[in-house]
Amino acid sequence: MAAKFKIKRKGVGQMLRMPGMEAEMKRRAEVIKSVAVSLSPVDQNSPDPGHYKESWETDSTPRGGRRRDRATATVRNTAYYARWVEYGTEKVPAHHVLLRAAQIGGRNQ
């Protein structure tokens, strides 16, 4: 005889917001952040070499996602020129630091 399983949406929602779930999202974000720091380019000719590399940060929340119904964590770079490093410009090639960090960090977890 096959086992029956009935899912309760309320229970799934509670599970997705548990402190342990948020802690795991934060841990994964920290792994991606450490890879991003190691991949970050440093321009020795700039007025503040290493600023981009030092500007990585993470945060987490138990109420994230599109519907605010699950634990999430975010990795971001606060340097004002971070998007130009990530996506490039007409004169500077894209480095895709966060993209590569997420790909590599996702495998290292």
N, C-alpha and C. Protein backbone atom coordinates (compact mmCIF):
# COMPACT_ATOMS: atom_id res chain seq x y z
N MET A 1 0.84 -1.16 0.00
CA MET A 1 0.00 0.00 0.00
C MET A 1 0.90 1.25 0.00
N ALA A 2 0.56 2.19 -0.84
CA ALA A 2 1.35 3.41 -0.95
C ALA A 2 1.06 4.35 0.21
N ALA A 3 2.09 5.02 0.64
CA ALA A 3 1.93 6.00 1.72
C ALA A 3 1.28 7.26 1.16
N LYS A 4 0.48 7.91 1.99
CA LYS A 4 -0.16 9.14 1.57
C LYS A 4 0.51 10.31 2.29
N PHE A 5 0.58 11.41 1.59
CA PHE A 5 1.22 12.59 2.13
C PHE A 5 0.36 13.80 1.80
N LYS A 6 0.01 14.57 2.79
CA LYS A 6 -0.77 15.77 2.56
C LYS A 6 0.04 16.96 3.08
N ILE A 7 0.32 17.89 2.19
CA ILE A 7 1.13 19.05 2.55
C ILE A 7 0.26 20.15 3.13
N LYS A 8 0.78 20.81 4.14
CA LYS A 8 0.09 21.96 4.72
C LYS A 8 0.91 23.20 4.40
N ARG A 9 0.33 24.11 3.67
CA ARG A 9 1.04 25.32 3.25
C ARG A 9 1.54 26.14 4.44
N LYS A 10 0.76 26.19 5.47
CA LYS A 10 1.17 26.95 6.66
C LYS A 10 2.46 26.36 7.25
N GLY A 11 2.53 25.05 7.31
CA GLY A 11 3.72 24.39 7.84
C GLY A 11 4.94 24.61 6.97
N VAL A 12 4.76 24.58 5.65
CA VAL A 12 5.87 24.83 4.73
C VAL A 12 6.36 26.27 4.90
N GLY A 13 5.42 27.21 5.03
CA GLY A 13 5.78 28.60 5.25
C GLY A 13 6.57 28.78 6.53
N GLN A 14 6.15 28.11 7.60
CA GLN A 14 6.89 28.18 8.86
C GLN A 14 8.29 27.60 8.72
N MET A 15 8.41 26.50 7.99
CA MET A 15 9.72 25.90 7.78
C MET A 15 10.65 26.84 7.01
N LEU A 16 10.11 27.51 5.99
CA LEU A 16 10.93 28.40 5.18
C LEU A 16 11.38 29.66 5.93
N ARG A 17 10.74 29.96 7.06
CA ARG A 17 11.10 31.13 7.86
C ARG A 17 11.83 30.77 9.15
N MET A 18 12.12 29.51 9.37
CA MET A 18 12.79 29.07 10.60
C MET A 18 14.16 29.74 10.75
N PRO A 19 14.60 29.98 11.98
CA PRO A 19 15.93 30.55 12.19
C PRO A 19 17.04 29.71 11.56
N GLY A 20 16.89 28.42 11.58
CA GLY A 20 17.90 27.55 10.96
C GLY A 20 17.98 27.74 9.45
N MET A 21 16.84 27.99 8.83
CA MET A 21 16.82 28.24 7.38
C MET A 21 17.51 29.56 7.07
N GLU A 22 17.23 30.59 7.88
CA GLU A 22 17.90 31.87 7.68
C GLU A 22 19.41 31.75 7.91
N ALA A 23 19.80 30.98 8.90
CA ALA A 23 21.22 30.77 9.18
C ALA A 23 21.91 30.08 7.99
N GLU A 24 21.23 29.12 7.38
CA GLU A 24 21.81 28.43 6.23
C GLU A 24 21.93 29.36 5.03
N MET A 25 20.94 30.21 4.81
CA MET A 25 21.02 31.19 3.71
C MET A 25 22.18 32.15 3.95
N LYS A 26 22.36 32.58 5.20
CA LYS A 26 23.47 33.48 5.55
C LYS A 26 24.81 32.78 5.33
N ARG A 27 24.90 31.51 5.72
CA ARG A 27 26.14 30.75 5.53
C ARG A 27 26.50 30.65 4.05
N ARG A 28 25.50 30.36 3.22
CA ARG A 28 25.75 30.26 1.79
C ARG A 28 26.16 31.61 1.20
N ALA A 29 25.55 32.68 1.68
CA ALA A 29 25.92 34.02 1.22
C ALA A 29 27.36 34.35 1.61
N GLU A 30 27.77 33.94 2.79
CA GLU A 30 29.15 34.19 3.24
C GLU A 30 30.15 33.43 2.37
N VAL A 31 29.81 32.22 1.95
CA VAL A 31 30.68 31.46 1.05
C VAL A 31 30.83 32.20 -0.28
N ILE A 32 29.71 32.67 -0.83
CA ILE A 32 29.75 33.41 -2.10
C ILE A 32 30.53 34.70 -1.93
N LYS A 33 30.35 35.38 -0.80
CA LYS A 33 31.09 36.62 -0.53
C LYS A 33 32.59 36.35 -0.50
N SER A 34 33.02 35.29 0.17
CA SER A 34 34.46 35.01 0.25
C SER A 34 35.05 34.70 -1.13
N VAL A 35 34.29 34.03 -1.97
CA VAL A 35 34.76 33.78 -3.34
C VAL A 35 34.81 35.09 -4.11
N ALA A 36 33.81 35.96 -3.94
CA ALA A 36 33.79 37.25 -4.63
C ALA A 36 34.98 38.11 -4.23
N VAL A 37 35.33 38.10 -2.95
CA VAL A 37 36.49 38.86 -2.48
C VAL A 37 37.76 38.33 -3.15
N SER A 38 37.89 37.02 -3.26
CA SER A 38 39.09 36.46 -3.88
C SER A 38 39.15 36.74 -5.38
N LEU A 39 38.00 36.90 -6.03
CA LEU A 39 37.97 37.18 -7.47
C LEU A 39 38.03 38.67 -7.81
N SER A 40 37.86 39.53 -6.82
CA SER A 40 37.75 40.97 -7.06
C SER A 40 39.05 41.55 -7.61
N PRO A 41 38.94 42.30 -8.72
CA PRO A 41 40.13 42.94 -9.27
C PRO A 41 40.55 44.14 -8.42
N VAL A 42 41.86 44.41 -8.38
CA VAL A 42 42.40 45.56 -7.67
C VAL A 42 43.22 46.37 -8.65
N ASP A 43 42.84 47.63 -8.84
CA ASP A 43 43.57 48.54 -9.73
C ASP A 43 44.54 49.35 -8.89
N GLN A 44 45.82 49.02 -9.01
CA GLN A 44 46.85 49.71 -8.23
C GLN A 44 47.00 51.17 -8.62
N ASN A 45 46.50 51.56 -9.81
CA ASN A 45 46.62 52.94 -10.28
C ASN A 45 45.45 53.81 -9.84
N SER A 46 44.46 53.24 -9.19
CA SER A 46 43.30 54.04 -8.77
C SER A 46 43.63 54.81 -7.49
N PRO A 47 42.85 55.85 -7.18
CA PRO A 47 43.10 56.63 -5.98
C PRO A 47 42.91 55.82 -4.68
N ASP A 48 42.06 54.80 -4.74
CA ASP A 48 41.79 53.98 -3.55
C ASP A 48 41.86 52.50 -3.93
N PRO A 49 43.07 51.96 -4.14
CA PRO A 49 43.17 50.55 -4.54
C PRO A 49 42.62 49.63 -3.46
N GLY A 50 41.85 48.66 -3.87
CA GLY A 50 41.28 47.70 -2.94
C GLY A 50 39.91 48.08 -2.40
N HIS A 51 39.40 49.26 -2.75
CA HIS A 51 38.09 49.68 -2.23
C HIS A 51 36.98 48.72 -2.68
N TYR A 52 36.99 48.33 -3.95
CA TYR A 52 35.98 47.40 -4.46
C TYR A 52 36.06 46.07 -3.71
N LYS A 53 37.25 45.58 -3.51
CA LYS A 53 37.45 44.30 -2.83
C LYS A 53 36.97 44.34 -1.38
N GLU A 54 37.10 45.49 -0.73
CA GLU A 54 36.70 45.64 0.67
C GLU A 54 35.21 45.96 0.84
N SER A 55 34.50 46.19 -0.25
CA SER A 55 33.12 46.66 -0.18
C SER A 55 32.07 45.55 -0.25
N TRP A 56 32.45 44.30 -0.17
CA TRP A 56 31.47 43.21 -0.21
C TRP A 56 30.81 43.07 1.15
N GLU A 57 29.50 42.84 1.16
CA GLU A 57 28.77 42.61 2.41
C GLU A 57 27.60 41.66 2.16
N THR A 58 27.13 41.08 3.25
CA THR A 58 25.97 40.18 3.19
C THR A 58 24.96 40.59 4.25
N ASP A 59 23.72 40.24 4.03
CA ASP A 59 22.70 40.36 5.05
C ASP A 59 21.63 39.31 4.79
N SER A 60 20.80 39.08 5.80
CA SER A 60 19.75 38.07 5.66
C SER A 60 18.48 38.56 6.35
N THR A 61 17.38 37.93 5.98
CA THR A 61 16.08 38.25 6.57
C THR A 61 15.20 37.01 6.55
N PRO A 62 14.36 36.84 7.57
CA PRO A 62 13.43 35.71 7.54
C PRO A 62 12.23 35.96 6.63
N ARG A 63 12.03 37.18 6.19
CA ARG A 63 10.89 37.54 5.34
C ARG A 63 11.37 38.13 4.03
N GLY A 64 11.90 37.31 3.16
CA GLY A 64 12.39 37.78 1.87
C GLY A 64 11.65 37.10 0.73
N GLY A 65 12.17 37.27 -0.45
CA GLY A 65 11.54 36.71 -1.63
C GLY A 65 10.46 37.64 -2.15
N ARG A 66 9.93 37.31 -3.29
CA ARG A 66 8.92 38.15 -3.93
C ARG A 66 7.67 38.31 -3.05
N ARG A 67 7.28 37.24 -2.38
CA ARG A 67 6.07 37.30 -1.55
C ARG A 67 6.39 37.54 -0.07
N ARG A 68 7.67 37.75 0.25
CA ARG A 68 8.09 37.99 1.63
C ARG A 68 7.71 36.81 2.53
N ASP A 69 7.88 35.59 2.01
CA ASP A 69 7.41 34.41 2.73
C ASP A 69 8.50 33.40 3.04
N ARG A 70 9.77 33.78 2.88
CA ARG A 70 10.84 32.81 3.11
C ARG A 70 12.12 33.51 3.53
N ALA A 71 13.02 32.78 4.16
CA ALA A 71 14.31 33.32 4.56
C ALA A 71 15.18 33.50 3.31
N THR A 72 15.86 34.64 3.24
CA THR A 72 16.77 34.91 2.14
C THR A 72 18.03 35.57 2.66
N ALA A 73 19.07 35.53 1.85
CA ALA A 73 20.31 36.24 2.15
C ALA A 73 20.76 36.93 0.87
N THR A 74 21.44 38.05 1.02
CA THR A 74 21.86 38.86 -0.11
C THR A 74 23.36 39.13 -0.03
N VAL A 75 24.03 39.07 -1.18
CA VAL A 75 25.43 39.46 -1.29
C VAL A 75 25.46 40.67 -2.19
N ARG A 76 26.15 41.73 -1.75
CA ARG A 76 26.21 42.95 -2.57
C ARG A 76 27.56 43.63 -2.38
N ASN A 77 27.87 44.47 -3.35
CA ASN A 77 29.06 45.31 -3.26
C ASN A 77 28.60 46.75 -3.19
N THR A 78 29.05 47.49 -2.20
CA THR A 78 28.57 48.85 -1.97
C THR A 78 29.39 49.92 -2.67
N ALA A 79 30.44 49.55 -3.39
CA ALA A 79 31.21 50.54 -4.15
C ALA A 79 30.31 51.12 -5.24
N TYR A 80 30.36 52.43 -5.42
CA TYR A 80 29.45 53.07 -6.38
C TYR A 80 29.68 52.59 -7.81
N TYR A 81 30.85 52.10 -8.11
CA TYR A 81 31.17 51.65 -9.46
C TYR A 81 31.08 50.13 -9.61
N ALA A 82 30.47 49.45 -8.66
CA ALA A 82 30.40 47.98 -8.69
C ALA A 82 29.71 47.46 -9.95
N ARG A 83 28.65 48.12 -10.39
CA ARG A 83 27.94 47.63 -11.59
C ARG A 83 28.80 47.73 -12.83
N TRP A 84 29.71 48.71 -12.88
CA TRP A 84 30.59 48.84 -14.05
C TRP A 84 31.66 47.75 -14.03
N VAL A 85 32.10 47.35 -12.83
CA VAL A 85 33.05 46.24 -12.74
C VAL A 85 32.35 44.95 -13.16
N GLU A 86 31.13 44.76 -12.70
CA GLU A 86 30.38 43.53 -13.00
C GLU A 86 30.02 43.43 -14.48
N TYR A 87 29.45 44.49 -15.04
CA TYR A 87 28.92 44.43 -16.41
C TYR A 87 29.82 45.08 -17.46
N GLY A 88 30.83 45.84 -17.05
CA GLY A 88 31.72 46.48 -18.00
C GLY A 88 31.14 47.76 -18.59
N THR A 89 31.96 48.44 -19.37
CA THR A 89 31.56 49.65 -20.08
C THR A 89 32.06 49.54 -21.51
N GLU A 90 31.95 50.61 -22.26
CA GLU A 90 32.46 50.59 -23.63
C GLU A 90 33.98 50.40 -23.65
N LYS A 91 34.66 50.91 -22.64
CA LYS A 91 36.13 50.86 -22.62
C LYS A 91 36.70 49.80 -21.68
N VAL A 92 35.90 49.32 -20.77
CA VAL A 92 36.38 48.36 -19.78
C VAL A 92 35.59 47.06 -19.92
N PRO A 93 36.26 45.92 -20.00
CA PRO A 93 35.53 44.66 -20.13
C PRO A 93 34.83 44.27 -18.82
N ALA A 94 33.77 43.51 -18.94
CA ALA A 94 33.03 43.03 -17.77
C ALA A 94 33.85 41.97 -17.03
N HIS A 95 33.82 42.04 -15.70
CA HIS A 95 34.53 41.05 -14.89
C HIS A 95 33.60 39.97 -14.34
N HIS A 96 32.30 40.26 -14.25
CA HIS A 96 31.29 39.30 -13.76
C HIS A 96 31.73 38.64 -12.45
N VAL A 97 32.19 39.44 -11.51
CA VAL A 97 32.69 38.92 -10.24
C VAL A 97 31.59 38.21 -9.47
N LEU A 98 30.45 38.84 -9.29
CA LEU A 98 29.37 38.23 -8.51
C LEU A 98 28.79 37.01 -9.22
N LEU A 99 28.65 37.07 -10.51
CA LEU A 99 28.16 35.91 -11.26
C LEU A 99 29.09 34.71 -11.08
N ARG A 100 30.38 34.94 -11.28
CA ARG A 100 31.34 33.84 -11.12
C ARG A 100 31.41 33.35 -9.69
N ALA A 101 31.31 34.27 -8.71
CA ALA A 101 31.34 33.87 -7.29
C ALA A 101 30.13 33.00 -6.96
N ALA A 102 28.97 33.34 -7.49
CA ALA A 102 27.78 32.53 -7.23
C ALA A 102 27.91 31.15 -7.87
N GLN A 103 28.48 31.10 -9.06
CA GLN A 103 28.67 29.80 -9.72
C GLN A 103 29.67 28.95 -8.97
N ILE A 104 30.80 29.53 -8.59
CA ILE A 104 31.84 28.78 -7.87
C ILE A 104 31.40 28.47 -6.44
N GLY A 105 30.87 29.47 -5.75
CA GLY A 105 30.44 29.30 -4.38
C GLY A 105 29.30 28.30 -4.24
N GLY A 106 28.44 28.23 -5.23
CA GLY A 106 27.36 27.26 -5.21
C GLY A 106 27.86 25.83 -5.27
N ARG A 107 28.98 25.64 -5.94
CA ARG A 107 29.57 24.29 -6.02
C ARG A 107 30.33 23.92 -4.75
N ASN A 108 30.84 24.94 -4.02
CA ASN A 108 31.67 24.69 -2.84
C ASN A 108 30.86 24.51 -1.57
N GLN A 109 29.57 24.46 -1.66
CA GLN A 109 28.77 24.39 -0.44
C GLN A 109 28.52 22.99 -0.09
